[in-house]
Amino acid sequence: MTATQSSALSLDGQICFALYNASHALTARYRELLDPLGVTYPQYLALLVLWESGPVTVSRLGERLHLDSGTLSPLLRRLEKAGLIARNRLPHNERSVEVSLTDAGSDLRRRAELIPAQVCAATGLRLDELKALVTQVTAVADHARASH
């Protein structure tokens, strides 16, 4: 095996491992910050969409989070049980379910507002660097989804 062949299969040279490793480290940091709020990281992501856009259909929420209904439904059930969201069938389309924040879900936003700054600090990056990284990683994900 040549040096080029072995370096191509080096663990530390793999984009997948770098992203996997970063994801685990950041998710652990988020977990520490979210535990006092009583929500998990995936629940936080769903709440971010609702805080940003207001009520959305379950299908649109799944699209935004890149989650299928089998993953999203239990997550929403737990948020509803915690009193943070409400799910209601749309009167003009009984097959569509709209997800909206309850007062408790809206109030939780104020408690979560410091999380992005704390995560930014944990990365060791400046805000402009972090924004550029988010743009790059998003582009990588978009291209990877489109390439198959």
C-alpha atoms as a PDB file:
ATOM      1  CA  MET A   1       0.000   0.000   0.000  1.00  0.00           C
ATOM      2  CA  THR A   2       1.365   3.410  -0.901  1.00  0.00           C
ATOM      3  CA  ALA A   3       1.487   6.417   1.415  1.00  0.00           C
ATOM      4  CA  THR A   4      -1.192   8.123  -0.705  1.00  0.00           C
ATOM      5  CA  GLN A   5      -3.540   5.152  -0.401  1.00  0.00           C
ATOM      6  CA  SER A   6      -3.083   4.913   3.353  1.00  0.00           C
ATOM      7  CA  SER A   7      -3.488   8.676   3.907  1.00  0.00           C
ATOM      8  CA  ALA A   8      -6.733   8.657   1.909  1.00  0.00           C
ATOM      9  CA  LEU A   9      -8.100   6.238   4.495  1.00  0.00           C
ATOM     10  CA  SER A  10      -6.673   8.013   7.533  1.00  0.00           C
ATOM     11  CA  LEU A  11      -9.353   8.537  10.188  1.00  0.00           C
ATOM     12  CA  ASP A  12      -8.233  12.079  10.935  1.00  0.00           C
ATOM     13  CA  GLY A  13      -8.405  12.971   7.240  1.00  0.00           C
ATOM     14  CA  GLN A  14     -12.087  12.050   6.911  1.00  0.00           C
ATOM     15  CA  ILE A  15     -14.641  14.864   6.766  1.00  0.00           C
ATOM     16  CA  CYS A  16     -17.242  12.476   8.155  1.00  0.00           C
ATOM     17  CA  PHE A  17     -15.191  11.847  11.286  1.00  0.00           C
ATOM     18  CA  ALA A  18     -14.441  15.536  11.827  1.00  0.00           C
ATOM     19  CA  LEU A  19     -18.149  16.390  11.577  1.00  0.00           C
ATOM     20  CA  TYR A  20     -19.150  13.383  13.700  1.00  0.00           C
ATOM     21  CA  ASN A  21     -16.636  14.299  16.394  1.00  0.00           C
ATOM     22  CA  ALA A  22     -17.656  17.979  16.391  1.00  0.00           C
ATOM     23  CA  SER A  23     -21.329  17.031  16.486  1.00  0.00           C
ATOM     24  CA  HIS A  24     -20.837  14.824  19.531  1.00  0.00           C
ATOM     25  CA  ALA A  25     -18.824  17.470  21.365  1.00  0.00           C
ATOM     26  CA  LEU A  26     -21.358  20.210  20.639  1.00  0.00           C
ATOM     27  CA  THR A  27     -24.352  18.027  21.417  1.00  0.00           C
ATOM     28  CA  ALA A  28     -22.810  17.227  24.814  1.00  0.00           C
ATOM     29  CA  ARG A  29     -22.374  20.964  25.474  1.00  0.00           C
ATOM     30  CA  TYR A  30     -25.960  21.642  24.415  1.00  0.00           C
ATOM     31  CA  ARG A  31     -27.143  18.842  26.719  1.00  0.00           C
ATOM     32  CA  GLU A  32     -25.504  20.579  29.689  1.00  0.00           C
ATOM     33  CA  LEU A  33     -27.190  23.860  28.770  1.00  0.00           C
ATOM     34  CA  LEU A  34     -30.597  22.344  27.971  1.00  0.00           C
ATOM     35  CA  ASP A  35     -30.955  20.048  30.991  1.00  0.00           C
ATOM     36  CA  PRO A  36     -31.991  22.939  33.269  1.00  0.00           C
ATOM     37  CA  LEU A  37     -34.682  23.849  30.719  1.00  0.00           C
ATOM     38  CA  GLY A  38     -36.032  20.300  30.710  1.00  0.00           C
ATOM     39  CA  VAL A  39     -35.661  19.743  26.969  1.00  0.00           C
ATOM     40  CA  THR A  40     -33.471  17.514  24.857  1.00  0.00           C
ATOM     41  CA  TYR A  41     -31.341  18.688  21.961  1.00  0.00           C
ATOM     42  CA  PRO A  42     -33.814  17.468  19.271  1.00  0.00           C
ATOM     43  CA  GLN A  43     -36.678  19.102  21.176  1.00  0.00           C
ATOM     44  CA  TYR A  44     -34.664  22.337  21.304  1.00  0.00           C
ATOM     45  CA  LEU A  45     -34.260  22.216  17.521  1.00  0.00           C
ATOM     46  CA  ALA A  46     -38.035  21.882  17.075  1.00  0.00           C
ATOM     47  CA  LEU A  47     -38.602  24.763  19.484  1.00  0.00           C
ATOM     48  CA  LEU A  48     -36.098  26.900  17.540  1.00  0.00           C
ATOM     49  CA  VAL A  49     -38.209  26.466  14.397  1.00  0.00           C
ATOM     50  CA  LEU A  50     -41.366  27.416  16.279  1.00  0.00           C
ATOM     51  CA  TRP A  51     -39.727  30.416  17.975  1.00  0.00           C
ATOM     52  CA  GLU A  52     -38.455  31.577  14.602  1.00  0.00           C
ATOM     53  CA  SER A  53     -41.515  31.025  12.430  1.00  0.00           C
ATOM     54  CA  GLY A  54     -44.541  30.532  14.652  1.00  0.00           C
ATOM     55  CA  PRO A  55     -47.044  27.735  14.027  1.00  0.00           C
ATOM     56  CA  VAL A  56     -46.050  25.230  11.327  1.00  0.00           C
ATOM     57  CA  THR A  57     -47.424  21.985  10.012  1.00  0.00           C
ATOM     58  CA  VAL A  58     -45.801  18.772  11.140  1.00  0.00           C
ATOM     59  CA  SER A  59     -44.666  18.111   7.580  1.00  0.00           C
ATOM     60  CA  ARG A  60     -42.989  21.540   7.301  1.00  0.00           C
ATOM     61  CA  LEU A  61     -41.305  21.046  10.681  1.00  0.00           C
ATOM     62  CA  GLY A  62     -39.982  17.701   9.477  1.00  0.00           C
ATOM     63  CA  GLU A  63     -38.632  19.342   6.321  1.00  0.00           C
ATOM     64  CA  ARG A  64     -36.877  22.087   8.302  1.00  0.00           C
ATOM     65  CA  LEU A  65     -35.293  19.590  10.700  1.00  0.00           C
ATOM     66  CA  HIS A  66     -34.632  16.898   8.071  1.00  0.00           C
ATOM     67  CA  LEU A  67     -36.566  14.389  10.199  1.00  0.00           C
ATOM     68  CA  ASP A  68     -39.095  11.792   9.113  1.00  0.00           C
ATOM     69  CA  SER A  69     -42.472  11.481  10.809  1.00  0.00           C
ATOM     70  CA  GLY A  70     -41.391   8.357  12.688  1.00  0.00           C
ATOM     71  CA  THR A  71     -38.728  10.376  14.475  1.00  0.00           C
ATOM     72  CA  LEU A  72     -40.658  13.621  14.721  1.00  0.00           C
ATOM     73  CA  SER A  73     -43.943  12.269  16.123  1.00  0.00           C
ATOM     74  CA  PRO A  74     -42.541  10.935  19.438  1.00  0.00           C
ATOM     75  CA  LEU A  75     -40.506  14.121  19.869  1.00  0.00           C
ATOM     76  CA  LEU A  76     -43.634  16.250  19.417  1.00  0.00           C
ATOM     77  CA  ARG A  77     -45.632  13.971  21.720  1.00  0.00           C
ATOM     78  CA  ARG A  78     -43.081  14.568  24.499  1.00  0.00           C
ATOM     79  CA  LEU A  79     -43.093  18.356  23.916  1.00  0.00           C
ATOM     80  CA  GLU A  80     -46.885  18.335  24.052  1.00  0.00           C
ATOM     81  CA  LYS A  81     -46.880  16.261  27.245  1.00  0.00           C
ATOM     82  CA  ALA A  82     -44.446  18.783  28.762  1.00  0.00           C
ATOM     83  CA  GLY A  83     -46.944  21.539  27.936  1.00  0.00           C
ATOM     84  CA  LEU A  84     -44.632  23.369  25.528  1.00  0.00           C
ATOM     85  CA  ILE A  85     -46.538  22.841  22.271  1.00  0.00           C
ATOM     86  CA  ALA A  86     -50.036  22.084  21.034  1.00  0.00           C
ATOM     87  CA  ARG A  87     -50.942  20.015  17.985  1.00  0.00           C
ATOM     88  CA  ASN A  88     -54.197  20.648  16.161  1.00  0.00           C
ATOM     89  CA  ARG A  89     -55.669  19.341  12.933  1.00  0.00           C
ATOM     90  CA  LEU A  90     -56.211  22.072  10.362  1.00  0.00           C
ATOM     91  CA  PRO A  91     -59.924  22.610   9.730  1.00  0.00           C
ATOM     92  CA  HIS A  92     -59.484  22.982   5.958  1.00  0.00           C
ATOM     93  CA  ASN A  93     -57.308  19.841   5.713  1.00  0.00           C
ATOM     94  CA  GLU A  94     -57.898  17.144   8.327  1.00  0.00           C
ATOM     95  CA  ARG A  95     -54.742  15.291   7.239  1.00  0.00           C
ATOM     96  CA  SER A  96     -52.514  18.217   8.200  1.00  0.00           C
ATOM     97  CA  VAL A  97     -51.550  18.885  11.802  1.00  0.00           C
ATOM     98  CA  GLU A  98     -50.309  22.280  12.904  1.00  0.00           C
ATOM     99  CA  VAL A  99     -47.816  22.623  15.730  1.00  0.00           C
ATOM    100  CA  SER A 100     -47.844  25.787  17.816  1.00  0.00           C
ATOM    101  CA  LEU A 101     -46.234  26.997  21.002  1.00  0.00           C
ATOM    102  CA  THR A 102     -48.140  27.179  24.248  1.00  0.00           C
ATOM    103  CA  ASP A 103     -47.549  30.075  26.627  1.00  0.00           C
ATOM    104  CA  ALA A 104     -45.025  27.873  28.459  1.00  0.00           C
ATOM    105  CA  GLY A 105     -43.247  27.136  25.177  1.00  0.00           C
ATOM    106  CA  SER A 106     -43.078  30.825  24.347  1.00  0.00           C
ATOM    107  CA  ASP A 107     -41.836  31.650  27.844  1.00  0.00           C
ATOM    108  CA  LEU A 108     -39.070  29.067  27.543  1.00  0.00           C
ATOM    109  CA  ARG A 109     -37.547  31.134  24.746  1.00  0.00           C
ATOM    110  CA  ARG A 110     -36.419  33.789  27.233  1.00  0.00           C
ATOM    111  CA  ARG A 111     -34.604  31.173  29.280  1.00  0.00           C
ATOM    112  CA  ALA A 112     -32.933  29.779  26.150  1.00  0.00           C
ATOM    113  CA  GLU A 113     -31.690  33.086  24.741  1.00  0.00           C
ATOM    114  CA  LEU A 114     -28.199  32.773  26.269  1.00  0.00           C
ATOM    115  CA  ILE A 115     -27.552  29.316  24.826  1.00  0.00           C
ATOM    116  CA  PRO A 116     -26.238  30.412  21.388  1.00  0.00           C
ATOM    117  CA  ALA A 117     -23.653  32.738  22.953  1.00  0.00           C
ATOM    118  CA  GLN A 118     -22.565  30.027  25.387  1.00  0.00           C
ATOM    119  CA  VAL A 119     -22.170  27.521  22.571  1.00  0.00           C
ATOM    120  CA  CYS A 120     -20.276  30.061  20.478  1.00  0.00           C
ATOM    121  CA  ALA A 121     -17.881  30.611  23.405  1.00  0.00           C
ATOM    122  CA  ALA A 122     -17.466  26.855  23.790  1.00  0.00           C
ATOM    123  CA  THR A 123     -16.307  26.540  20.172  1.00  0.00           C
ATOM    124  CA  GLY A 124     -13.411  28.941  20.613  1.00  0.00           C
ATOM    125  CA  LEU A 125     -14.501  30.724  17.434  1.00  0.00           C
ATOM    126  CA  ARG A 126     -15.495  34.341  16.973  1.00  0.00           C
ATOM    127  CA  LEU A 127     -19.101  34.923  15.945  1.00  0.00           C
ATOM    128  CA  ASP A 128     -18.127  35.781  12.353  1.00  0.00           C
ATOM    129  CA  GLU A 129     -16.022  32.605  12.133  1.00  0.00           C
ATOM    130  CA  LEU A 130     -18.866  30.511  13.511  1.00  0.00           C
ATOM    131  CA  LYS A 131     -21.341  32.003  11.027  1.00  0.00           C
ATOM    132  CA  ALA A 132     -18.948  31.236   8.153  1.00  0.00           C
ATOM    133  CA  LEU A 133     -18.542  27.665   9.415  1.00  0.00           C
ATOM    134  CA  VAL A 134     -22.317  27.219   9.622  1.00  0.00           C
ATOM    135  CA  THR A 135     -22.595  28.407   6.012  1.00  0.00           C
ATOM    136  CA  GLN A 136     -19.883  25.980   4.869  1.00  0.00           C
ATOM    137  CA  VAL A 137     -21.273  22.974   6.749  1.00  0.00           C
ATOM    138  CA  THR A 138     -24.785  23.726   5.478  1.00  0.00           C
ATOM    139  CA  ALA A 139     -23.451  23.823   1.920  1.00  0.00           C
ATOM    140  CA  VAL A 140     -21.680  20.497   2.449  1.00  0.00           C
ATOM    141  CA  ALA A 141     -24.911  18.912   3.703  1.00  0.00           C
ATOM    142  CA  ASP A 142     -26.951  20.362   0.832  1.00  0.00           C
ATOM    143  CA  HIS A 143     -24.456  19.104  -1.760  1.00  0.00           C
ATOM    144  CA  ALA A 144     -24.262  15.672  -0.148  1.00  0.00           C
ATOM    145  CA  ARG A 145     -28.070  15.337  -0.196  1.00  0.00           C
ATOM    146  CA  ALA A 146     -28.245  16.464  -3.822  1.00  0.00           C
ATOM    147  CA  SER A 147     -25.449  14.197  -5.053  1.00  0.00           C
ATOM    148  CA  HIS A 148     -27.234  10.886  -4.653  1.00  0.00           C
END
